[in-house]
Every structure is written in structure tokens, then in C-alpha cells.
Amino acid sequence: MANNLTYALVHEWLTPKATGGSELVVREILKCIDAEVYALIDFESTNPESYLFGRSIGTTFLQYFPLARNGVQKYLPFLPLAIEQLDLRHYDIILSSSHTVAKGVITTPQQLHICYCHATMRFAWDLTFDYLAHSFMGKGIPGIITRYLLHRLRQWDVLTANRVDYFIANSQHTASRIWRYYRRKAEVIYPPVNIDRFSYQTNKEDYYLIVSRLVSYKKVSLIVQAFNQLKLPLIVIGTGPELPKIRQLAQPNVQILGFQPDAVVEKYMANAKAFLYAAYEDFGIAPVEAQACGTPVIAFGAGGTLETVRDIRQHPESGTGILFAEQSVTAITDAVKTFVTYEMKFSPEVARSHAANFSPDIFQQRYLEYIDRCYHQKQNKLPESFPF
């Protein structure tokens, strides 16, 4: 690829509270590509603890809206309009990191736009009815307005898929969603997991572990209820709107530690007997982090975990966990009992080796190779025959 190409990297929002998998992808991209960064809002370039501190980052009018620092999801109707105001005409290659609207930036036919899709807009598609059921905006007259806004958002979402030249998905699961909603094929490149951050431990202690944001779709309350029945030791690390509910549910065998610093999380992850995960995620980094510690995973067998966790019942020599078929107390209870039966057959070395497949080095290599391939394909095609 030519060395004189200019790059713009577009992400949805950059705030101290946004520290998930998509932000890790942004960080790794910037390690290997000299790109100028754009986002709907940015409060990281002024955060001394951020790797983006002091960096010049382009933003939108949402930057100046009240309470934007706490997230712009509250301004959902304005997100499509805002992302379209970013002027990226002077760049050769646009790299979007998208789970909501970043892919909707406006580009020219001469530019190459590659979107790394962390998730399709789930609250507007398959989680619509969950979103409406758990939001005060889903009922009465506000509910009618919300349904109309989501309808228009789905139309915009499909329309803007045509602004992307090439899609990358963070899992086969996400790739299937991209095809379902946009009828576009996507290359699968798994996101980077900083496995070196987690210490490998072969001797485990007698407790099970959850590390999660405490929000409804993570289904942490189901795990707590299951352990209430099992009477086995469970430690829950994390905070969120469901924290009071989970504290109320927990019996004495369940410890709720709330928010903990990274060093504490890493220690508990390394020493846990098993890691519990009941969320339905497009990828899910936490189960891979657990495996990096040599810790087996008991997880809901849907979405990304089907690609990151190997059920020992199907993979006797390379199993890294137990998968359960539904998000229910009964299924989780049965899965933990099954884990106890197979516990001595799990190999910490196998789990660590499997986690290495998701290392940052592998991500960077595959990502750069794919951009190079896309660039040459675009250069070698006539405009009228270029496939969108």
C-alpha cells in the first residue's frame, strides 16, 4: 500500500466511561495506523489517564449538549444527523469503528471506506422489544414516538450500509447479522484481547466468578439465583443499574464486590475455579480474558461464545468450558453441576493456548492485510463495476 495515504478513524464516542471491546479495537488500530480520529463526542483527549490524552480529535455538535460526557445515547434521534456532519473529504481511507452510527459518515466515490462492525444496531433490531420493555420510553404516548423513531433509525441504518465499501465483523455471529440486515458480506477478524495483562494460574481457589456490567441483558441476576440454589461460593465484580437488585438477591454464599480496580479483577480472574457468563453478546471479551488466565468458562452458548469457548463435551482434548442452551436459572444450575463433573479434565494450558488466538498481534496483522487487499481491489476495479 502507498505510504502517502491519509487515514481517518471514526468511532461513536470517546469518554472515560466507554472502555469496552470497541475502544480496545480503536486503540490497537491507532498502534499500527497513523490516522486522525473523529467521534460524536470526545472527553478522552482531555483525560490524563487516557492513551488519547492531548490528541486532536474531531467531534460534532453533540459535544456541546448538556451531560454529553455521560453518554449521547439520550440524544438518539440526533445521532444520524450528527455523524453525517463530519467532513472527511480530505482523506484517502476512512476506517469506521461502528456499533451504532459510525458507519454512516458521508464519503466520496474516490475514498475507500472500511467498517469494523462490533455489532449491528441491536436496540433497533433484535433487541427492540427488550429495549421497549425495560425503558420508560416504551410505554404510552412516549412509546409510540419511540417506536416511530426506531422505525426511522432502522431505515437509516440499512441505507447507510451502502456507504461502506467493505465490512469487517468481530465474529461470525456479527457477520450473520450484517448479512441479515444489510445483505452485505463481511470478513471476520476477531477483536484484540490483551491476554498478557492476565496472569496464568494453574492452581485455582474454591470460588466461581462474574466480572460484568450489571445491566439487565447481562443476566447476572440469573447466575446469582442459580448459586443461591447451589450454595456454592460466587464472587460478583462490577457495577451498574442492577447492583441494588443483585445485592438484594444474593444469599451469604454470594459476595457482591461492586467496582474493583484492574489489579483486583485480574487477581480474582486468575484464581477462580470457573468464570460465569450468561450474556448474549456479538463477541464477548471477558470469557477470552478468563481463558487467558487458564480459567474455564461456563457460558450461555449463543452469539460470540460459540466461537470463543469450546465445550469440553464436544472437544474432550481441547475443551475450555461448558456451554448452556438457554438463559434460565435451571440451565445455569445444570451447567455448573456438569462443570463439577468435568472439573478435573480441564487443562489451564489448553485454555491459555486457545486465548492466544485472539492476541493483539494477530488482530493487527489481519487488519492491515485486509486493508491492503481492499485498497488494491478498489484500485484495480473500474468505478462502474465496483461492488457495493
Protein backbone atom coordinates (compact mmCIF):
# COMPACT_ATOMS: atom_id res chain seq x y z
CA MET A 1 0.00 0.00 0.00
CA ALA A 2 1.21 3.51 -0.77
CA ASN A 3 2.90 5.25 2.16
CA ASN A 4 1.43 8.66 1.42
CA LEU A 5 -2.20 7.68 2.02
CA THR A 6 -4.16 9.63 4.62
CA TYR A 7 -6.49 7.93 7.11
CA ALA A 8 -9.44 8.99 9.24
CA LEU A 9 -10.67 6.73 12.04
CA VAL A 10 -14.30 7.29 13.10
CA HIS A 11 -15.71 5.95 16.37
CA GLU A 12 -19.04 6.68 18.07
CA TRP A 13 -18.00 8.19 21.39
CA LEU A 14 -14.83 8.56 23.43
CA THR A 15 -15.44 9.01 27.16
CA PRO A 16 -13.85 7.68 30.37
CA LYS A 17 -16.95 5.51 30.85
CA ALA A 18 -16.60 3.87 27.42
CA THR A 19 -13.88 1.26 27.93
CA GLY A 20 -15.31 -1.82 26.24
CA GLY A 21 -14.16 -4.04 23.40
CA SER A 22 -14.80 -1.47 20.68
CA GLU A 23 -12.50 1.02 22.40
CA LEU A 24 -9.79 -1.65 22.59
CA VAL A 25 -10.11 -2.07 18.82
CA VAL A 26 -9.67 1.68 18.32
CA ARG A 27 -6.56 1.60 20.46
CA GLU A 28 -5.00 -1.27 18.51
CA ILE A 29 -5.79 0.33 15.16
CA LEU A 30 -4.03 3.52 16.23
CA LYS A 31 -0.96 1.48 17.21
CA CYS A 32 -0.48 0.32 13.64
CA ILE A 33 -2.06 3.09 11.52
CA ASP A 34 -1.36 6.81 11.66
CA ALA A 35 -4.95 8.03 11.49
CA GLU A 36 -6.70 11.21 12.55
CA VAL A 37 -9.55 10.44 14.94
CA TYR A 38 -13.18 11.57 14.82
CA ALA A 39 -16.12 10.84 17.12
CA LEU A 40 -19.57 12.14 18.02
CA ILE A 41 -18.13 13.31 21.34
CA ASP A 42 -14.67 13.23 22.89
CA PHE A 43 -13.78 13.54 26.57
CA GLU A 44 -10.72 11.32 26.38
CA SER A 45 -8.28 13.76 24.80
CA THR A 46 -8.57 15.84 28.00
CA ASN A 47 -8.31 12.80 30.28
CA PRO A 48 -4.72 12.49 31.59
CA GLU A 49 -5.21 8.75 32.16
CA SER A 50 -6.22 8.07 28.55
CA TYR A 51 -3.96 6.96 25.71
CA LEU A 52 -5.75 9.66 23.68
CA PHE A 53 -4.70 12.44 26.07
CA GLY A 54 -3.58 15.55 24.19
CA ARG A 55 -4.64 14.20 20.82
CA SER A 56 -6.60 16.40 18.40
CA ILE A 57 -9.96 14.69 17.83
CA GLY A 58 -12.74 15.95 15.57
CA THR A 59 -16.22 15.99 17.11
CA THR A 60 -19.81 17.00 16.30
CA PHE A 61 -22.33 19.45 17.74
CA LEU A 62 -23.26 16.80 20.33
CA GLN A 63 -20.02 17.66 22.13
CA TYR A 64 -21.75 20.76 23.50
CA PHE A 65 -25.05 19.18 24.54
CA PRO A 66 -25.84 19.03 28.28
CA LEU A 67 -24.49 15.92 30.05
CA ALA A 68 -22.87 14.65 26.83
CA ARG A 69 -19.93 13.44 28.92
CA ASN A 70 -22.19 10.78 30.44
CA GLY A 71 -23.11 9.43 27.01
CA VAL A 72 -25.04 10.60 23.97
CA GLN A 73 -27.44 7.67 23.84
CA LYS A 74 -30.01 10.00 25.42
CA TYR A 75 -29.81 12.05 22.20
CA LEU A 76 -30.51 9.05 19.98
CA PRO A 77 -32.66 10.90 17.38
CA PHE A 78 -29.74 13.27 16.69
CA LEU A 79 -27.01 10.65 16.23
CA PRO A 80 -27.52 10.03 12.48
CA LEU A 81 -27.59 13.74 11.73
CA ALA A 82 -24.52 14.36 13.87
CA ILE A 83 -22.33 11.66 12.30
CA GLU A 84 -23.16 13.00 8.82
CA GLN A 85 -21.69 16.39 9.76
CA LEU A 86 -18.12 15.09 9.93
CA ASP A 87 -16.24 16.42 6.88
CA LEU A 88 -13.82 13.67 5.82
CA ARG A 89 -13.33 14.67 2.18
CA HIS A 90 -9.58 15.14 2.53
CA TYR A 91 -8.73 11.56 3.48
CA ASP A 92 -7.93 8.64 1.20
CA ILE A 93 -9.17 5.88 3.51
CA ILE A 94 -11.97 6.05 6.07
CA LEU A 95 -11.86 3.45 8.84
CA SER A 96 -15.05 3.35 10.89
CA SER A 97 -15.36 1.51 14.19
CA SER A 98 -19.10 1.10 14.45
CA HIS A 99 -21.72 -0.34 16.76
CA THR A 100 -24.31 2.41 16.34
CA VAL A 101 -23.86 5.12 13.69
CA ALA A 102 -20.15 5.50 12.84
CA LYS A 103 -20.57 3.65 9.53
CA GLY A 104 -22.96 6.40 8.42
CA VAL A 105 -20.26 9.01 7.70
CA ILE A 106 -20.51 10.55 4.24
CA THR A 107 -17.68 9.73 1.85
CA THR A 108 -16.93 10.26 -1.84
CA PRO A 109 -16.69 7.56 -4.54
CA GLN A 110 -12.91 8.08 -4.67
CA GLN A 111 -12.47 7.22 -0.99
CA LEU A 112 -12.21 3.74 0.47
CA HIS A 113 -14.49 3.15 3.49
CA ILE A 114 -13.84 0.04 5.58
CA CYS A 115 -16.12 -0.54 8.56
CA TYR A 116 -15.15 -2.68 11.53
CA CYS A 117 -18.59 -3.61 12.84
CA HIS A 118 -18.68 -4.56 16.52
CA ALA A 119 -22.43 -5.06 16.41
CA THR A 120 -25.37 -4.11 14.29
CA MET A 121 -27.68 -1.61 16.00
CA ARG A 122 -29.16 -4.23 18.29
CA PHE A 123 -31.59 -1.97 20.16
CA ALA A 124 -33.16 -1.09 16.80
CA TRP A 125 -33.25 -4.66 15.51
CA ASP A 126 -33.35 -7.90 17.51
CA LEU A 127 -33.39 -6.24 20.95
CA THR A 128 -36.13 -3.74 20.07
CA PHE A 129 -38.80 -5.31 22.26
CA ASP A 130 -36.40 -5.82 25.19
CA TYR A 131 -35.40 -2.16 24.88
CA LEU A 132 -39.03 -1.02 24.89
CA ALA A 133 -39.98 -3.31 27.77
CA HIS A 134 -37.19 -2.04 30.05
CA SER A 135 -37.47 1.66 29.19
CA PHE A 136 -40.00 4.18 30.48
CA MET A 137 -39.95 5.50 26.89
CA GLY A 138 -41.52 2.25 25.70
CA LYS A 139 -44.94 2.83 27.18
CA GLY A 140 -47.92 5.08 26.43
CA ILE A 141 -47.60 8.07 24.10
CA PRO A 142 -43.78 8.19 24.53
CA GLY A 143 -43.76 4.53 23.48
CA ILE A 144 -45.49 5.34 20.18
CA ILE A 145 -42.96 8.09 19.48
CA THR A 146 -40.07 5.77 20.41
CA ARG A 147 -41.36 3.06 18.09
CA TYR A 148 -41.57 5.55 15.23
CA LEU A 149 -38.04 6.80 15.90
CA LEU A 150 -36.71 3.24 15.93
CA HIS A 151 -38.52 2.58 12.65
CA ARG A 152 -36.83 5.57 11.03
CA LEU A 153 -33.50 4.59 12.58
CA ARG A 154 -33.73 1.13 11.01
CA GLN A 155 -34.34 2.72 7.61
CA TRP A 156 -31.30 4.97 8.04
CA ASP A 157 -29.21 2.05 9.27
CA VAL A 158 -29.90 -0.03 6.15
CA LEU A 159 -29.41 2.97 3.84
CA THR A 160 -26.01 3.82 5.30
CA ALA A 161 -24.73 0.26 4.90
CA ASN A 162 -24.39 1.23 1.24
CA ARG A 163 -21.85 3.89 2.22
CA VAL A 164 -19.40 1.16 3.27
CA ASP A 165 -17.13 -0.43 0.68
CA TYR A 166 -16.03 -3.36 2.85
CA PHE A 167 -17.28 -4.71 6.17
CA ILE A 168 -15.25 -6.42 8.87
CA ALA A 169 -17.17 -8.27 11.59
CA ASN A 170 -15.85 -9.07 15.05
CA SER A 171 -17.33 -12.59 14.89
CA GLN A 172 -19.17 -14.98 12.59
CA HIS A 173 -22.25 -14.13 14.64
CA THR A 174 -21.95 -10.43 13.80
CA ALA A 175 -21.23 -11.29 10.16
CA SER A 176 -24.52 -13.18 10.00
CA ARG A 177 -26.36 -10.13 11.39
CA ILE A 178 -24.69 -7.88 8.82
CA TRP A 179 -25.95 -10.20 6.09
CA ARG A 180 -29.45 -10.43 7.62
CA TYR A 181 -29.98 -6.68 7.98
CA TYR A 182 -27.80 -5.20 5.22
CA ARG A 183 -27.32 -8.11 2.79
CA ARG A 184 -23.57 -7.43 2.84
CA LYS A 185 -20.75 -9.94 3.27
CA ALA A 186 -18.19 -9.31 5.99
CA GLU A 187 -14.67 -10.51 6.69
CA VAL A 188 -14.33 -11.87 10.23
CA ILE A 189 -11.39 -10.50 12.22
CA TYR A 190 -11.66 -11.18 15.92
CA PRO A 191 -11.03 -8.18 18.19
CA PRO A 192 -7.78 -7.95 20.15
CA VAL A 193 -7.73 -9.27 23.70
CA ASN A 194 -4.82 -8.17 25.85
CA ILE A 195 -4.08 -11.64 27.17
CA ASP A 196 -0.67 -10.60 28.54
CA ARG A 197 -2.50 -8.38 31.04
CA PHE A 198 -3.77 -11.51 32.81
CA SER A 199 -1.50 -13.82 34.78
CA TYR A 200 -1.67 -17.52 34.01
CA GLN A 201 -2.54 -19.57 37.09
CA THR A 202 -2.79 -23.35 37.30
CA ASN A 203 -3.79 -23.64 40.96
CA LYS A 204 -7.35 -22.44 41.40
CA GLU A 205 -9.19 -21.42 44.55
CA ASP A 206 -12.64 -22.53 45.64
CA TYR A 207 -14.91 -19.84 44.17
CA TYR A 208 -16.71 -19.01 40.96
CA LEU A 209 -16.55 -15.55 39.41
CA ILE A 210 -18.58 -12.98 37.47
CA VAL A 211 -17.00 -9.80 36.10
CA SER A 212 -19.63 -7.76 34.28
CA ARG A 213 -21.52 -4.53 33.89
CA LEU A 214 -24.64 -5.02 35.95
CA VAL A 215 -27.28 -4.33 33.33
CA SER A 216 -30.35 -6.39 32.54
CA TYR A 217 -29.19 -8.07 29.31
CA LYS A 218 -26.08 -9.46 31.04
CA LYS A 219 -28.42 -11.74 33.06
CA VAL A 220 -26.20 -11.62 36.16
CA SER A 221 -29.29 -11.93 38.36
CA LEU A 222 -29.97 -15.37 36.87
CA ILE A 223 -26.49 -16.56 37.81
CA VAL A 224 -26.93 -15.24 41.36
CA GLN A 225 -30.27 -17.05 41.69
CA ALA A 226 -28.68 -20.26 40.42
CA PHE A 227 -25.88 -20.03 43.00
CA ASN A 228 -28.40 -19.28 45.72
CA GLN A 229 -29.76 -22.76 44.98
CA LEU A 230 -26.36 -24.42 44.53
CA LYS A 231 -24.95 -22.91 47.76
CA LEU A 232 -21.54 -22.66 46.05
CA PRO A 233 -19.23 -19.64 46.57
CA LEU A 234 -19.71 -16.94 43.94
CA ILE A 235 -17.96 -13.56 43.67
CA VAL A 236 -19.56 -10.79 41.58
CA ILE A 237 -17.43 -7.86 40.41
CA GLY A 238 -18.99 -4.93 38.58
CA THR A 239 -21.39 -2.07 38.89
CA GLY A 240 -24.45 -0.77 37.09
CA PRO A 241 -28.18 -0.10 37.47
CA GLU A 242 -28.90 -3.68 38.57
CA LEU A 243 -26.47 -3.57 41.51
CA PRO A 244 -29.17 -2.90 44.18
CA LYS A 245 -31.34 -5.72 42.81
CA ILE A 246 -28.43 -8.17 42.79
CA ARG A 247 -27.37 -7.21 46.33
CA GLN A 248 -30.91 -7.91 47.48
CA LEU A 249 -30.98 -11.29 45.73
CA ALA A 250 -27.63 -12.52 46.97
CA GLN A 251 -27.51 -15.06 49.78
CA PRO A 252 -24.47 -15.40 52.10
CA ASN A 253 -22.56 -17.65 49.66
CA VAL A 254 -22.59 -14.82 47.07
CA GLN A 255 -20.21 -11.88 47.58
CA ILE A 256 -21.00 -8.65 45.71
CA LEU A 257 -17.79 -6.62 45.46
CA GLY A 258 -19.06 -3.86 43.15
CA PHE A 259 -16.50 -1.92 41.15
CA GLN A 260 -12.88 -3.05 41.57
CA PRO A 261 -9.63 -1.75 40.04
CA ASP A 262 -7.96 -3.72 37.27
CA ALA A 263 -5.37 -5.32 39.53
CA VAL A 264 -8.09 -6.78 41.76
CA VAL A 265 -10.09 -8.03 38.78
CA GLU A 266 -7.01 -9.73 37.33
CA LYS A 267 -6.24 -11.45 40.64
CA TYR A 268 -9.75 -12.83 41.04
CA MET A 269 -9.88 -13.89 37.37
CA ALA A 270 -6.62 -15.82 37.64
CA ASN A 271 -7.60 -17.70 40.79
CA ALA A 272 -11.24 -18.51 40.06
CA LYS A 273 -12.38 -22.10 39.73
CA ALA A 274 -14.56 -21.04 36.77
CA PHE A 275 -15.87 -17.88 35.14
CA LEU A 276 -19.64 -17.42 34.64
CA TYR A 277 -21.09 -15.61 31.62
CA ALA A 278 -24.80 -15.52 30.75
CA ALA A 279 -24.95 -12.61 28.28
CA TYR A 280 -25.88 -12.88 24.62
CA GLU A 281 -23.04 -10.92 23.01
CA ASP A 282 -21.76 -10.49 19.48
CA PHE A 283 -18.26 -11.38 20.71
CA GLY A 284 -17.64 -11.01 24.44
CA ILE A 285 -14.09 -10.31 25.58
CA ALA A 286 -14.41 -11.38 29.23
CA PRO A 287 -14.59 -15.16 28.50
CA VAL A 288 -11.37 -14.91 26.47
CA GLU A 289 -9.68 -12.98 29.30
CA ALA A 290 -10.69 -15.74 31.72
CA GLN A 291 -9.21 -18.39 29.43
CA ALA A 292 -6.00 -16.36 29.24
CA CYS A 293 -5.72 -16.98 32.99
CA GLY A 294 -6.22 -20.71 32.44
CA THR A 295 -9.70 -20.38 33.95
CA PRO A 296 -12.50 -22.44 32.36
CA VAL A 297 -15.74 -20.69 31.37
CA ILE A 298 -19.38 -21.62 31.98
CA ALA A 299 -21.29 -19.57 29.41
CA PHE A 300 -24.52 -19.14 27.52
CA GLY A 301 -23.96 -20.98 24.24
CA ALA A 302 -25.11 -18.33 21.77
CA GLY A 303 -23.53 -15.47 19.89
CA GLY A 304 -19.81 -14.92 20.27
CA THR A 305 -19.20 -17.53 22.96
CA LEU A 306 -19.82 -20.27 20.38
CA GLU A 307 -16.61 -19.03 18.73
CA THR A 308 -14.54 -18.31 21.83
CA VAL A 309 -15.42 -21.14 24.24
CA ARG A 310 -15.00 -24.84 23.40
CA ASP A 311 -17.43 -27.11 25.22
CA ILE A 312 -15.42 -29.97 26.70
CA ARG A 313 -18.25 -32.39 25.95
CA GLN A 314 -17.74 -31.80 22.22
CA HIS A 315 -13.97 -31.20 22.44
CA PRO A 316 -12.60 -33.64 25.05
CA GLU A 317 -8.95 -32.80 24.29
CA SER A 318 -9.29 -29.04 23.75
CA GLY A 319 -12.32 -28.04 25.81
CA THR A 320 -12.18 -24.72 27.65
CA GLY A 321 -15.63 -24.61 29.25
CA ILE A 322 -19.26 -25.67 29.46
CA LEU A 323 -21.97 -24.04 27.32
CA PHE A 324 -25.63 -23.95 28.37
CA ALA A 325 -28.53 -23.66 25.95
CA GLU A 326 -30.84 -21.05 27.49
CA GLN A 327 -30.74 -18.03 29.77
CA SER A 328 -32.51 -19.54 32.76
CA VAL A 329 -31.75 -20.42 36.37
CA THR A 330 -32.30 -24.11 35.65
CA ALA A 331 -29.91 -24.15 32.68
CA ILE A 332 -27.20 -22.35 34.66
CA THR A 333 -27.63 -24.66 37.64
CA ASP A 334 -27.35 -27.74 35.42
CA ALA A 335 -24.29 -26.29 33.65
CA VAL A 336 -22.47 -25.71 36.96
CA LYS A 337 -23.27 -29.28 38.05
CA THR A 338 -21.91 -30.52 34.71
CA PHE A 339 -18.78 -28.44 35.22
CA VAL A 340 -18.20 -30.08 38.60
CA THR A 341 -18.38 -33.48 36.90
CA TYR A 342 -15.77 -32.48 34.28
CA GLU A 343 -13.71 -30.16 36.50
CA MET A 344 -10.59 -32.31 36.68
CA LYS A 345 -10.49 -32.74 32.90
CA PHE A 346 -9.93 -29.06 32.15
CA SER A 347 -6.38 -28.03 31.29
CA PRO A 348 -5.26 -24.47 32.14
CA GLU A 349 -2.58 -24.79 29.45
CA VAL A 350 -5.22 -25.55 26.79
CA ALA A 351 -7.31 -22.55 27.86
CA ARG A 352 -4.32 -20.20 27.73
CA SER A 353 -3.27 -21.53 24.33
CA HIS A 354 -6.78 -21.05 22.96
CA ALA A 355 -6.91 -17.47 24.24
CA ALA A 356 -3.67 -16.70 22.37
CA ASN A 357 -5.64 -16.94 19.10
CA PHE A 358 -7.17 -13.56 19.98
CA SER A 359 -3.93 -11.68 20.69
CA PRO A 360 -3.40 -8.04 19.57
CA ASP A 361 -0.55 -9.11 17.25
CA ILE A 362 -2.86 -11.41 15.31
CA PHE A 363 -5.51 -8.69 15.12
CA GLN A 364 -3.07 -6.08 13.79
CA GLN A 365 -1.64 -8.44 11.18
CA ARG A 366 -5.03 -9.50 9.83
CA TYR A 367 -6.44 -5.97 9.94
CA LEU A 368 -3.53 -4.45 8.00
CA GLU A 369 -3.55 -7.27 5.46
CA TYR A 370 -7.27 -6.81 4.87
CA ILE A 371 -6.99 -3.04 4.36
CA ASP A 372 -4.17 -3.60 1.90
CA ARG A 373 -6.23 -6.16 -0.01
CA CYS A 374 -9.28 -3.90 -0.12
CA TYR A 375 -7.22 -0.94 -1.31
CA HIS A 376 -5.74 -2.89 -4.22
CA GLN A 377 -9.12 -4.34 -5.16
CA LYS A 378 -10.62 -0.87 -5.31
CA GLN A 379 -7.67 0.48 -7.30
CA ASN A 380 -7.96 -2.32 -9.84
CA LYS A 381 -11.69 -2.01 -10.47
CA LEU A 382 -13.48 0.41 -12.72
CA PRO A 383 -15.88 2.65 -10.79
CA GLU A 384 -18.96 1.34 -12.54
CA SER A 385 -18.08 -2.28 -11.73
CA PHE A 386 -17.07 -1.75 -8.12
CA PRO A 387 -19.34 -3.93 -5.94
CA PHE A 388 -21.20 -2.36 -3.04
